[in-house]
C-alpha cells in the first residue's frame, strides 16, 4: 500500500504465485496473479500519475478493479517454444460521462458500469528467432523505460491493447557478414480497433464525422551495434496506421446517408498500408490526394555506455512525425529527449530517468504540401 498525497490515494493488494518475471521481458516465465486496485481523488478523471502506463485500466478519479491473470512465456533457450496469456478484469467504476447534442441542446449522461472485460488474450510461438502471435496483449515502447518514462510517442502504454496478428524477430539478430557488429530487429502487425462502442457513446452527433470499424497496421525496424561492447548505439523507425472503416456524417444529430463512405479493405489495400501509397477511386478524396489511411510514426536513436562495475548511462531520442516535415526533422525541438542511469545493482536506487518532452511545433501551422500553401511556415 502506498499513497500519492498530492494527487489521490492508490491502494494495491496483490497475491502472486510463481516467478513474477516481467511481463515484457524477453525471457519471461510462467506465472499466475491475482490483484485488486483502487484509487480515489478529486475531479472526473484520475490524476496523470495514477492513470499513466496502466493500459487504459485506470481512467477515473474514483475507481477500482479486480484482476486475474495466467501467462506462459516463451522459453528462449529452446529452438521451438509457445506462449499464451489470459488476463481478466472486473471493473468497479463507470465509464466517462458523455456530452452530446440533441435537438440543438447540449446534454450529458453516464453510460454506466463496465463490469467485466478481457484485457489480454493471446497465443504465440517462435522458431529460432522468428515469432508469430495473435490476440490482444499489453505492449510498450522498447526505447523508453516503461516504469519511469512519461511514455513512448507511438506506443504510450495508456490505451487498451489492440487485437492483432504480429510476426517478426523475437530479439536482435546478427546481420550476415557483419561478424556481430550490426544486429537487426523488426516486426509487422495487422489488427482491428475495438472502440466502436466508446466512439458512439462519446460522439456528439452534431455536424461531425464518425468513423467505426477501422483497421490497424504497425511496423518497426531497428539496428544495433555489438551489444557485447561497452558502447552500444541503436537506431530505428516505427510506423502505425489506421485504415478501412466506415465514415458517417451527422448534421444536428441526423445521419446524412449520401455522405456515408466505406473505405475498401481489399488485399491491395493492405499493401498500400504496408508501403504507403495513394488511394484509388474507391477511397475518399483525402486518401487519393495524399496516402491511403492515417499514418503516424517516429525515428528513434539511443546510445548507451556500460561501465566496468556494470552500471550504465544511456541517452535516447524519439522524433515523432505525422507528415513529411516531421519525418525530415523540420519541426524544431519536437520529440522526447531522455537520459537514463542504471546502477547495475538491486538497491534502493537502481534506475534514474530524466526526460524532456517538446510538442510545441507540431510540424508547423500547415501540412507540408506545396498544393496547400506556397510557402508553409515551419516556425
Protein backbone atom coordinates (compact mmCIF):
# COMPACT_ATOMS: atom_id res chain seq x y z
CA UNK A 1 0.00 0.00 0.00
CA UNK A 2 1.31 3.44 -0.82
CA UNK A 3 -0.03 7.00 -1.00
CA UNK A 4 0.03 9.73 -3.62
CA UNK A 5 -0.75 12.55 -1.21
CA UNK A 6 -0.85 15.31 -3.79
CA UNK A 7 -3.00 13.58 -6.36
CA UNK A 8 -5.09 10.97 -4.62
CA UNK A 9 -4.83 7.58 -2.98
CA UNK A 10 -3.93 4.30 -4.64
CA UNK A 11 -4.41 1.05 -2.76
CA UNK A 12 -2.94 -2.14 -4.13
CA UNK A 13 -3.31 -5.72 -2.96
CA UNK A 14 -1.51 -8.40 -4.94
CA UNK A 15 -1.23 -12.17 -4.50
CA UNK A 16 1.13 -13.87 -6.95
CA UNK A 17 2.22 -17.46 -7.40
CA UNK A 18 5.38 -18.45 -9.21
CA UNK A 19 8.24 -16.40 -10.53
CA UNK A 20 6.93 -12.89 -11.30
CA UNK A 21 9.33 -12.24 -14.15
CA UNK A 22 8.49 -9.01 -16.03
CA UNK A 23 5.61 -9.34 -18.45
CA UNK A 24 7.51 -7.51 -21.19
CA UNK A 25 10.84 -9.21 -20.60
CA UNK A 26 12.29 -11.25 -23.44
CA UNK A 27 12.87 -14.31 -21.23
CA UNK A 28 9.56 -14.49 -19.45
CA UNK A 29 8.42 -17.46 -17.38
CA UNK A 30 5.08 -18.94 -16.35
CA UNK A 31 3.12 -17.20 -13.64
CA UNK A 32 -0.31 -16.57 -12.20
CA UNK A 33 -1.50 -13.44 -10.45
CA UNK A 34 -4.50 -12.01 -8.65
CA UNK A 35 -4.66 -8.32 -7.80
CA UNK A 36 -7.07 -5.65 -6.63
CA UNK A 37 -6.51 -1.93 -7.23
CA UNK A 38 -8.45 1.13 -6.09
CA UNK A 39 -7.86 4.86 -6.39
CA UNK A 40 -9.65 7.95 -5.12
CA UNK A 41 -9.21 11.65 -5.84
CA UNK A 42 -10.96 14.85 -6.92
CA UNK A 43 -12.32 15.68 -10.36
CA UNK A 44 -13.74 13.47 -13.10
CA UNK A 45 -10.59 11.81 -14.41
CA UNK A 46 -7.80 10.09 -12.50
CA UNK A 47 -4.60 12.10 -11.95
CA UNK A 48 -1.96 11.52 -14.61
CA UNK A 49 0.48 9.55 -12.47
CA UNK A 50 -2.28 7.20 -11.30
CA UNK A 51 -3.58 6.52 -14.81
CA UNK A 52 -0.37 6.63 -16.89
CA UNK A 53 1.12 3.34 -18.10
CA UNK A 54 -1.93 1.36 -16.93
CA UNK A 55 -3.04 0.36 -20.45
CA UNK A 56 -6.43 2.01 -20.03
CA UNK A 57 -7.35 0.32 -16.75
CA UNK A 58 -7.43 3.48 -14.60
CA UNK A 59 -9.32 6.45 -16.05
CA UNK A 60 -11.48 7.87 -13.24
CA UNK A 61 -10.70 9.73 -10.05
CA UNK A 62 -12.71 7.17 -8.08
CA UNK A 63 -12.39 3.66 -9.48
CA UNK A 64 -11.11 0.16 -8.87
CA UNK A 65 -10.77 -3.25 -10.41
CA UNK A 66 -10.13 -6.91 -9.63
CA UNK A 67 -7.69 -8.65 -11.97
CA UNK A 68 -6.81 -12.32 -12.53
CA UNK A 69 -4.13 -13.47 -15.00
CA UNK A 70 -2.45 -16.63 -16.24
CA UNK A 71 0.61 -16.49 -18.51
CA UNK A 72 3.03 -18.94 -20.10
CA UNK A 73 6.11 -17.32 -21.58
CA UNK A 74 8.44 -18.32 -24.37
CA UNK A 75 11.45 -20.47 -23.48
CA UNK A 76 14.27 -18.66 -25.23
CA UNK A 77 16.80 -21.46 -24.77
CA UNK A 78 14.69 -23.79 -26.94
CA UNK A 79 14.55 -23.77 -30.74
CA UNK A 80 10.74 -24.09 -30.71
CA UNK A 81 8.53 -22.68 -27.95
CA UNK A 82 5.00 -21.41 -27.48
CA UNK A 83 3.27 -18.88 -25.22
CA UNK A 84 -0.21 -17.85 -24.16
CA UNK A 85 -1.87 -15.42 -21.80
CA UNK A 86 -5.31 -14.62 -20.44
CA UNK A 87 -5.94 -11.53 -18.33
CA UNK A 88 -9.45 -10.86 -16.97
CA UNK A 89 -10.58 -7.63 -15.30
CA UNK A 90 -13.67 -6.85 -13.26
CA UNK A 91 -14.13 -3.07 -13.26
CA UNK A 92 -15.72 -1.31 -10.30
CA UNK A 93 -16.33 2.11 -11.86
CA UNK A 94 -18.41 3.65 -14.60
CA UNK A 95 -17.11 4.95 -17.90
CA UNK A 96 -16.55 8.64 -18.60
CA UNK A 97 -19.59 10.95 -18.72
CA UNK A 98 -20.71 11.79 -22.23
CA UNK A 99 -21.75 15.16 -23.67
CA UNK A 100 -23.86 15.15 -26.82
CA UNK A 101 -26.23 17.32 -28.85
CA UNK A 102 -29.93 16.53 -29.09
CA UNK A 103 -32.47 18.88 -30.66
CA UNK A 104 -29.82 21.60 -30.65
CA UNK A 105 -29.20 21.31 -26.89
CA UNK A 106 -26.08 20.03 -25.13
CA UNK A 107 -26.88 17.13 -22.78
CA UNK A 108 -24.82 14.85 -20.54
CA UNK A 109 -25.30 11.29 -19.37
CA UNK A 110 -23.26 8.49 -17.81
CA UNK A 111 -23.09 5.30 -19.92
CA UNK A 112 -22.93 3.14 -16.79
CA UNK A 113 -20.66 0.44 -15.37
CA UNK A 114 -18.50 -1.84 -17.49
CA UNK A 115 -18.40 -4.78 -15.11
CA UNK A 116 -16.12 -7.24 -16.92
CA UNK A 117 -13.77 -7.35 -19.89
CA UNK A 118 -10.79 -9.24 -21.28
CA UNK A 119 -7.66 -7.10 -21.03
CA UNK A 120 -5.33 -9.63 -22.66
CA UNK A 121 -5.87 -12.88 -24.54
CA UNK A 122 -3.21 -14.16 -26.91
CA UNK A 123 -1.26 -17.14 -28.18
CA UNK A 124 2.10 -17.23 -29.90
CA UNK A 125 5.06 -19.33 -30.90
CA UNK A 126 8.64 -18.97 -32.02
CA UNK A 127 11.10 -20.98 -34.10
CA UNK A 128 14.68 -19.98 -33.51
CA UNK A 129 14.42 -16.15 -33.50
CA UNK A 130 11.22 -15.79 -35.59
CA UNK A 131 7.90 -15.36 -33.78
CA UNK A 132 4.23 -15.06 -34.64
CA UNK A 133 1.40 -14.24 -32.24
CA UNK A 134 -2.32 -13.49 -32.36
CA UNK A 135 -4.61 -11.73 -29.91
CA UNK A 136 -4.51 -8.66 -27.71
CA UNK A 137 -1.65 -8.08 -25.29
CA UNK A 138 -0.13 -5.13 -23.47
CA UNK A 139 2.81 -3.80 -25.49
CA UNK A 140 5.19 -0.99 -24.67
CA UNK A 141 7.74 1.23 -26.35
CA UNK A 142 11.10 -0.57 -26.37
CA UNK A 143 13.19 2.62 -26.33
CA UNK A 144 12.00 4.13 -23.04
CA UNK A 145 11.97 2.73 -19.51
CA UNK A 146 8.30 1.78 -19.15
CA UNK A 147 8.22 2.16 -15.35
CA UNK A 148 9.88 5.60 -15.21
CA UNK A 149 9.28 7.24 -18.60
CA UNK A 150 6.47 9.61 -19.49
CA UNK A 151 5.70 7.11 -22.28
CA UNK A 152 6.65 6.44 -25.89
CA UNK A 153 5.36 8.68 -28.66
CA UNK A 154 3.73 5.92 -30.75
CA UNK A 155 3.18 3.27 -28.03
CA UNK A 156 2.26 5.21 -24.90
CA UNK A 157 1.08 2.42 -22.61
CA UNK A 158 -2.09 4.40 -21.83
CA UNK A 159 -4.63 2.62 -24.06
CA UNK A 160 -6.31 -0.78 -24.10
CA UNK A 161 -4.50 -3.46 -26.15
CA UNK A 162 -5.45 -3.82 -29.83
CA UNK A 163 -6.29 -7.34 -31.13
CA UNK A 164 -3.75 -8.07 -33.84
CA UNK A 165 -1.55 -10.62 -35.58
CA UNK A 166 2.17 -9.91 -35.19
CA UNK A 167 5.27 -11.52 -36.71
CA UNK A 168 8.96 -10.71 -36.76
CA UNK A 169 12.22 -11.22 -34.86
CA UNK A 170 11.78 -12.02 -31.16
CA UNK A 171 15.03 -10.17 -30.42
CA UNK A 172 18.00 -8.63 -32.20
CA UNK A 173 19.83 -11.00 -34.56
CA UNK A 174 23.20 -10.65 -36.28
CA UNK A 175 23.21 -9.36 -39.85
CA UNK A 176 25.18 -11.79 -42.04
CA UNK A 177 28.77 -10.84 -42.89
CA UNK A 178 28.96 -8.16 -40.15
CA UNK A 179 30.57 -10.57 -37.63
CA UNK A 180 28.13 -9.46 -34.93
CA UNK A 181 28.93 -5.76 -35.22
CA UNK A 182 25.47 -4.91 -36.57
CA UNK A 183 22.20 -6.53 -35.47
CA UNK A 184 18.63 -6.11 -36.72
CA UNK A 185 15.18 -6.45 -35.19
CA UNK A 186 11.77 -5.82 -36.72
CA UNK A 187 8.13 -6.77 -36.72
CA UNK A 188 4.93 -6.39 -38.73
CA UNK A 189 1.33 -6.37 -37.47
CA UNK A 190 -2.27 -6.01 -38.63
CA UNK A 191 -5.20 -5.65 -36.27
CA UNK A 192 -8.59 -4.09 -35.62
CA UNK A 193 -9.68 -1.28 -33.32
CA UNK A 194 -12.35 -2.39 -30.86
CA UNK A 195 -13.55 1.05 -29.75
CA UNK A 196 -16.81 1.32 -31.72
CA UNK A 197 -18.96 1.46 -28.57
CA UNK A 198 -16.72 4.09 -26.98
CA UNK A 199 -16.84 6.25 -30.13
CA UNK A 200 -20.62 6.02 -30.37
CA UNK A 201 -21.08 6.86 -26.67
CA UNK A 202 -18.69 9.83 -26.73
CA UNK A 203 -19.67 11.33 -30.09
CA UNK A 204 -21.89 14.42 -30.11
CA UNK A 205 -23.56 13.70 -33.48
CA UNK A 206 -23.60 17.38 -34.34
CA UNK A 207 -22.15 18.32 -37.73
CA UNK A 208 -19.27 15.89 -37.42
CA UNK A 209 -17.92 12.70 -38.99
CA UNK A 210 -17.57 9.47 -37.03
CA UNK A 211 -15.54 6.51 -38.30
CA UNK A 212 -16.06 3.00 -36.93
CA UNK A 213 -14.67 -0.49 -37.72
CA UNK A 214 -11.22 0.91 -38.55
CA UNK A 215 -8.30 -1.48 -39.04
CA UNK A 216 -4.80 -1.14 -37.65
CA UNK A 217 -1.28 -1.62 -39.00
CA UNK A 218 2.10 -1.38 -37.29
CA UNK A 219 5.68 -1.98 -38.39
CA UNK A 220 9.08 -1.29 -36.91
CA UNK A 221 12.75 -1.87 -37.65
CA UNK A 222 15.86 -1.26 -35.54
CA UNK A 223 19.60 -1.65 -35.96
CA UNK A 224 22.01 -2.11 -33.05
CA UNK A 225 25.78 -2.21 -32.74
CA UNK A 226 27.57 -5.07 -30.96
CA UNK A 227 25.86 -5.37 -27.52
CA UNK A 228 28.94 -7.07 -26.01
CA UNK A 229 30.93 -3.85 -26.30
CA UNK A 230 30.82 -1.09 -23.64
CA UNK A 231 29.37 1.45 -26.08
CA UNK A 232 26.15 0.45 -27.91
CA UNK A 233 24.18 2.52 -30.43
CA UNK A 234 20.63 1.70 -31.57
CA UNK A 235 18.72 3.45 -34.35
CA UNK A 236 15.24 2.59 -35.55
CA UNK A 237 11.93 3.64 -37.05
CA UNK A 238 8.30 2.84 -36.20
CA UNK A 239 5.10 3.46 -38.15
CA UNK A 240 1.45 2.94 -37.18
CA UNK A 241 -1.62 3.47 -39.34
CA UNK A 242 -5.42 3.43 -39.31
CA UNK A 243 -7.27 2.35 -42.44
CA UNK A 244 -10.59 0.96 -43.61
CA UNK A 245 -13.73 1.54 -41.60
CA UNK A 246 -16.99 3.33 -42.35
CA UNK A 247 -17.23 7.11 -42.22
CA UNK A 248 -20.63 8.68 -41.42
CA UNK A 249 -21.64 12.31 -41.24
CA UNK A 250 -24.32 13.67 -38.90
CA UNK A 251 -25.98 17.05 -39.22
CA UNK A 252 -27.62 18.20 -35.97
CA UNK A 253 -27.93 14.59 -34.88
CA UNK A 254 -29.36 13.30 -38.21
CA UNK A 255 -27.40 10.84 -40.32
CA UNK A 256 -26.77 12.07 -43.89
CA UNK A 257 -26.77 8.80 -45.86
CA UNK A 258 -25.41 10.39 -49.02
CA UNK A 259 -22.14 11.25 -47.23
CA UNK A 260 -21.56 7.77 -45.76
CA UNK A 261 -18.44 6.14 -47.19
CA UNK A 262 -16.91 2.75 -46.52
CA UNK A 263 -13.16 2.60 -47.14
CA UNK A 264 -12.09 -0.54 -49.01
CA UNK A 265 -10.06 -3.30 -47.35
CA UNK A 266 -9.02 -5.34 -50.36
CA UNK A 267 -5.76 -7.29 -50.47
CA UNK A 268 -4.08 -4.47 -52.37
CA UNK A 269 -5.17 -2.01 -49.68
CA UNK A 270 -3.16 -3.97 -47.11
CA UNK A 271 -0.12 -3.48 -49.36
CA UNK A 272 -0.93 0.23 -49.73
CA UNK A 273 -0.69 0.49 -45.96
CA UNK A 274 2.46 -1.63 -45.80
CA UNK A 275 4.12 0.50 -48.49
CA UNK A 276 2.32 3.87 -48.12
CA UNK A 277 0.78 4.98 -51.41
CA UNK A 278 -2.23 6.95 -52.67
CA UNK A 279 -5.72 5.53 -52.65
CA UNK A 280 -7.79 4.86 -55.78
CA UNK A 281 -11.28 5.91 -56.85
CA UNK A 282 -12.95 3.82 -54.13
CA UNK A 283 -11.26 5.75 -51.33
CA UNK A 284 -12.11 9.25 -50.07
CA UNK A 285 -10.62 12.35 -51.68
CA UNK A 286 -8.06 12.88 -48.95
CA UNK A 287 -6.66 9.35 -49.39
CA UNK A 288 -6.46 9.91 -53.14
CA UNK A 289 -4.61 13.23 -52.79
CA UNK A 290 -2.18 12.01 -50.13
CA UNK A 291 -1.84 8.43 -48.83
CA UNK A 292 -4.37 5.73 -48.08
CA UNK A 293 -5.03 5.66 -44.34
CA UNK A 294 -3.86 7.78 -41.43
CA UNK A 295 -0.14 7.32 -40.73
CA UNK A 296 1.97 8.40 -37.75
CA UNK A 297 5.47 7.33 -36.79
CA UNK A 298 8.77 8.07 -35.16
CA UNK A 299 12.51 7.84 -35.62
CA UNK A 300 14.46 6.83 -32.53
CA UNK A 301 18.10 6.90 -31.52
CA UNK A 302 19.82 5.74 -28.35
CA UNK A 303 23.43 5.47 -27.20
CA UNK A 304 24.46 3.58 -24.06
CA UNK A 305 27.81 3.28 -22.28
CA UNK A 306 28.33 0.45 -19.78
CA UNK A 307 30.97 0.90 -17.09
CA UNK A 308 33.16 -1.85 -15.62
CA UNK A 309 31.04 -2.04 -12.45
CA UNK A 310 28.04 -2.92 -14.68
CA UNK A 311 26.40 0.48 -14.21
CA UNK A 312 25.43 2.33 -17.38
CA UNK A 313 24.25 5.65 -18.72
CA UNK A 314 22.06 5.99 -21.81
CA UNK A 315 20.79 8.91 -23.83
CA UNK A 316 17.82 8.49 -26.16
CA UNK A 317 15.64 10.49 -28.50
CA UNK A 318 12.24 9.79 -30.09
CA UNK A 319 11.38 12.03 -33.02
CA UNK A 320 7.67 11.95 -33.83
CA UNK A 321 6.26 12.66 -37.31
CA UNK A 322 2.81 12.99 -38.81
CA UNK A 323 3.82 14.40 -42.21
CA UNK A 324 6.88 14.95 -44.42
CA UNK A 325 8.14 17.96 -42.47
CA UNK A 326 8.21 15.97 -39.24
CA UNK A 327 9.80 12.99 -40.98
CA UNK A 328 12.55 15.28 -42.29
CA UNK A 329 13.04 16.85 -38.82
CA UNK A 330 11.82 20.31 -39.83
CA UNK A 331 9.81 20.54 -36.61
CA UNK A 332 12.35 22.17 -34.32
CA UNK A 333 12.94 20.58 -30.92
CA UNK A 334 9.80 18.44 -31.06
CA UNK A 335 10.38 14.99 -29.62
CA UNK A 336 11.12 13.04 -26.47
CA UNK A 337 14.66 13.54 -25.13
CA UNK A 338 15.80 11.27 -22.31
CA UNK A 339 18.75 10.35 -20.11
CA UNK A 340 18.77 7.14 -18.07
CA UNK A 341 21.19 5.87 -15.42
CA UNK A 342 21.27 2.24 -14.23
CA UNK A 343 23.26 1.30 -11.15
CA UNK A 344 23.51 -2.36 -12.18
CA UNK A 345 22.65 -3.35 -8.62
CA UNK A 346 19.48 -4.20 -6.72
CA UNK A 347 19.38 -1.45 -4.15
CA UNK A 348 17.16 1.44 -3.08
CA UNK A 349 18.10 3.43 -6.19
CA UNK A 350 18.61 1.26 -9.25
CA UNK A 351 17.34 3.46 -12.11
CA UNK A 352 17.07 7.19 -12.71
CA UNK A 353 15.36 8.76 -15.76
CA UNK A 354 15.32 12.39 -16.80
CA UNK A 355 13.14 13.37 -19.79
CA UNK A 356 12.26 16.46 -21.77
CA UNK A 357 9.14 16.35 -23.96
CA UNK A 358 8.54 19.07 -26.56
CA UNK A 359 5.48 19.06 -28.85
CA UNK A 360 5.23 22.83 -29.45
CA UNK A 361 5.98 22.84 -33.18
CA UNK A 362 3.72 20.02 -34.41
CA UNK A 363 5.27 20.34 -37.92
CA UNK A 364 4.28 24.00 -38.20
CA UNK A 365 0.87 25.66 -38.77
CA UNK A 366 0.25 23.84 -42.09
CA UNK A 367 0.88 20.38 -43.51
CA UNK A 368 3.95 20.23 -45.69
CA UNK A 369 2.48 20.22 -49.17
CA UNK A 370 3.08 22.81 -51.94
CA UNK A 371 -0.53 22.50 -53.10
CA UNK A 372 -1.74 23.53 -49.62
CA UNK A 373 0.34 26.68 -49.42
CA UNK A 374 3.21 28.10 -51.44
CA UNK A 375 5.48 28.88 -48.51
CA UNK A 376 4.47 26.98 -45.35
CA UNK A 377 5.99 28.43 -42.21
CA UNK A 378 7.82 25.97 -40.01
CA UNK A 379 8.46 28.20 -37.00
